[in-house]
N, C-alpha and C. Protein backbone atom coordinates (compact mmCIF):
# COMPACT_ATOMS: atom_id res chain seq x y z
N MET A 1 0.76 2.45 29.36
CA MET A 1 0.76 2.33 27.68
C MET A 1 -0.15 2.72 26.31
N VAL A 2 -0.76 3.71 25.34
CA VAL A 2 -1.26 3.67 25.01
C VAL A 2 -0.61 2.23 23.34
N ARG A 3 -2.63 1.47 23.29
CA ARG A 3 -1.98 0.64 21.85
C ARG A 3 -2.79 0.48 21.09
N ILE A 4 -2.26 0.04 20.09
CA ILE A 4 -3.38 0.49 18.42
C ILE A 4 -2.95 -0.59 17.39
N ALA A 5 -3.87 -1.01 17.12
CA ALA A 5 -4.44 -2.29 16.54
C ALA A 5 -5.40 -1.62 14.63
N CYS A 6 -4.40 -2.21 13.58
CA CYS A 6 -4.79 -1.90 13.00
C CYS A 6 -5.38 -2.82 11.98
N VAL A 7 -6.37 -2.91 11.29
CA VAL A 7 -6.62 -3.55 10.95
C VAL A 7 -7.67 -3.52 9.83
N GLY A 8 -6.61 -4.23 8.95
CA GLY A 8 -7.37 -4.00 7.55
C GLY A 8 -7.14 -5.01 6.55
N ILE A 9 -7.08 -5.05 4.96
CA ILE A 9 -6.60 -5.70 3.86
C ILE A 9 -4.82 -6.32 3.65
N THR A 10 -4.27 -6.46 2.95
CA THR A 10 -3.29 -6.48 2.12
C THR A 10 -3.08 -6.55 1.06
N VAL A 11 -2.76 -5.50 0.79
CA VAL A 11 -2.58 -5.72 -1.28
C VAL A 11 -1.40 -5.59 -1.52
N MET A 12 -1.38 -5.14 -3.43
CA MET A 12 0.19 -5.09 -3.67
C MET A 12 -0.50 -4.34 -4.51
N ASP A 13 0.32 -2.68 -4.26
CA ASP A 13 0.48 -1.54 -4.84
C ASP A 13 1.29 -2.16 -6.52
N ARG A 14 0.90 -1.45 -7.76
CA ARG A 14 1.54 -1.13 -8.86
C ARG A 14 1.25 0.40 -9.31
N ILE A 15 2.53 0.49 -9.19
CA ILE A 15 2.43 2.22 -9.76
C ILE A 15 3.12 2.11 -10.94
N TYR A 16 2.28 2.66 -12.59
CA TYR A 16 2.75 3.07 -13.42
C TYR A 16 3.41 4.39 -13.58
N TYR A 17 4.67 4.45 -14.40
CA TYR A 17 5.20 5.59 -14.84
C TYR A 17 4.29 6.26 -16.08
N VAL A 18 3.63 7.36 -17.27
CA VAL A 18 3.67 7.12 -18.38
C VAL A 18 4.05 8.97 -18.55
N GLU A 19 3.75 8.88 -19.68
CA GLU A 19 4.59 10.50 -19.86
C GLU A 19 3.33 11.82 -19.99
N GLY A 20 2.16 11.08 -20.23
CA GLY A 20 1.19 11.88 -19.61
C GLY A 20 -0.50 11.57 -19.65
N LEU A 21 -1.63 11.98 -19.36
CA LEU A 21 -2.46 11.77 -19.40
C LEU A 21 -3.74 11.52 -20.45
N PRO A 22 -4.18 10.35 -20.50
CA PRO A 22 -4.76 10.37 -21.80
C PRO A 22 -5.57 11.63 -21.58
N THR A 23 -6.08 11.92 -22.81
CA THR A 23 -7.22 12.98 -23.42
C THR A 23 -8.18 12.65 -25.16
N GLU A 24 -8.99 11.59 -24.85
CA GLU A 24 -10.01 11.85 -25.37
C GLU A 24 -10.37 10.68 -25.50
N GLY A 25 -10.02 9.65 -25.01
CA GLY A 25 -9.69 7.99 -25.36
C GLY A 25 -8.86 7.65 -25.27
N GLY A 26 -7.88 8.60 -25.62
CA GLY A 26 -6.62 7.83 -25.59
C GLY A 26 -5.64 6.28 -25.26
N LYS A 27 -4.61 6.40 -25.14
CA LYS A 27 -4.02 4.72 -25.05
C LYS A 27 -2.87 5.76 -24.34
N TYR A 28 -1.67 4.80 -23.02
CA TYR A 28 -0.63 5.75 -23.43
C TYR A 28 0.07 4.31 -22.46
N VAL A 29 1.82 3.63 -23.58
CA VAL A 29 2.31 2.47 -22.72
C VAL A 29 2.98 2.55 -21.26
N ALA A 30 3.14 2.57 -20.46
CA ALA A 30 4.40 3.16 -19.33
C ALA A 30 5.38 2.36 -19.56
N LYS A 31 6.59 2.66 -19.41
CA LYS A 31 8.23 3.10 -20.01
C LYS A 31 8.19 1.89 -18.72
N ARG A 32 7.57 2.07 -17.10
CA ARG A 32 8.54 1.40 -16.46
C ARG A 32 7.75 1.56 -14.72
N TYR A 33 7.25 0.93 -14.15
CA TYR A 33 6.32 0.47 -12.37
C TYR A 33 7.00 0.50 -11.60
N THR A 34 6.64 0.73 -10.21
CA THR A 34 6.87 0.39 -9.03
C THR A 34 6.75 -0.19 -7.88
N GLU A 35 6.24 -1.89 -7.66
CA GLU A 35 5.78 -1.99 -6.77
C GLU A 35 5.70 -1.67 -5.77
N GLY A 36 4.54 -2.23 -4.66
CA GLY A 36 5.01 -1.63 -3.20
C GLY A 36 3.68 -2.69 -2.24
N VAL A 37 4.09 -2.89 -1.36
CA VAL A 37 3.21 -3.06 -0.24
C VAL A 37 2.51 -3.06 1.04
N GLY A 38 1.38 -3.54 1.27
CA GLY A 38 0.68 -2.13 1.67
C GLY A 38 -0.80 -1.78 2.11
N ARG A 39 -0.83 -0.90 2.79
CA ARG A 39 -2.39 0.05 2.06
C ARG A 39 -3.15 -0.30 2.48
N PRO A 40 -4.41 0.50 3.25
CA PRO A 40 -3.87 1.25 4.31
C PRO A 40 -3.18 0.90 5.84
N ALA A 41 -4.26 -0.20 6.84
CA ALA A 41 -3.66 -0.75 7.58
C ALA A 41 -2.33 -0.59 8.28
N ALA A 42 -1.82 -1.67 6.57
CA ALA A 42 0.10 -1.03 6.47
C ALA A 42 0.74 -0.29 7.01
N THR A 43 0.70 0.69 5.90
CA THR A 43 0.91 2.31 5.93
C THR A 43 1.07 2.30 7.54
N ALA A 44 0.00 2.57 7.77
CA ALA A 44 -0.81 2.81 9.18
C ALA A 44 0.26 2.68 10.17
N ALA A 45 -0.11 0.63 10.14
CA ALA A 45 0.79 -0.18 11.21
C ALA A 45 2.49 0.46 11.75
N VAL A 46 3.22 0.58 10.21
CA VAL A 46 4.70 0.94 9.57
C VAL A 46 4.84 2.20 10.27
N GLU A 47 3.69 3.57 9.93
CA GLU A 47 4.51 4.65 10.43
C GLU A 47 4.20 4.89 11.73
N ALA A 48 3.11 4.28 12.65
CA ALA A 48 2.90 4.08 14.00
C ALA A 48 4.73 3.09 14.80
N ALA A 49 4.48 3.20 14.16
CA ALA A 49 6.02 2.16 14.96
C ALA A 49 7.25 3.35 14.24
N ARG A 50 7.20 3.89 13.45
CA ARG A 50 7.98 4.69 13.42
C ARG A 50 8.28 5.71 13.96
N LEU A 51 7.01 5.85 14.95
CA LEU A 51 6.37 7.57 15.69
C LEU A 51 7.00 6.50 17.56
N GLY A 52 7.07 5.23 17.35
CA GLY A 52 7.85 4.75 18.69
C GLY A 52 6.80 3.74 19.33
N ALA A 53 5.74 3.67 18.23
CA ALA A 53 5.18 2.10 19.09
C ALA A 53 5.16 1.24 18.50
N PRO A 54 4.57 0.32 19.87
CA PRO A 54 5.22 -1.49 19.72
C PRO A 54 4.18 -2.06 18.92
N GLY A 55 5.27 -2.85 18.33
CA GLY A 55 4.67 -3.49 16.85
C GLY A 55 4.16 -4.98 16.81
N ALA A 56 3.43 -5.66 15.84
CA ALA A 56 3.20 -7.13 16.07
C ALA A 56 2.46 -7.15 14.73
N LYS A 57 2.63 -8.07 14.07
CA LYS A 57 1.28 -8.17 13.28
C LYS A 57 0.67 -9.67 13.11
N GLY A 58 0.16 -9.75 11.65
CA GLY A 58 -0.80 -10.89 11.92
C GLY A 58 -1.36 -11.12 10.72
N ARG A 59 -1.53 -11.48 9.76
CA ARG A 59 -2.11 -11.62 8.95
C ARG A 59 -2.59 -13.21 7.92
N ARG A 60 -3.59 -13.13 6.90
CA ARG A 60 -3.76 -13.79 7.12
C ARG A 60 -3.56 -13.98 5.02
N VAL A 61 -2.94 -15.12 4.18
CA VAL A 61 -3.32 -14.54 3.23
C VAL A 61 -4.42 -15.41 2.11
N GLY A 62 -5.14 -15.91 1.72
CA GLY A 62 -5.87 -16.33 0.81
C GLY A 62 -7.58 -16.53 1.06
N ASP A 63 -8.67 -17.30 0.68
CA ASP A 63 -9.74 -16.99 0.92
C ASP A 63 -9.98 -16.95 2.07
N ALA A 64 -10.93 -16.40 2.80
CA ALA A 64 -11.77 -16.53 3.96
C ALA A 64 -11.86 -17.58 4.76
């Protein structure tokens, strides 16, 4: 059996939705946003599990 180890940091992603990209240093206000946990190692681990790889998790939160 193949074993996969995905090692990396856990982060919180916020994706802001705006009506367009600023031009010439302009500013826009986001009307909404979504949050997601993962990236990049956690996402790879989830995808490996979806493909049938056995999974386990461990993490460290805070200063090393």
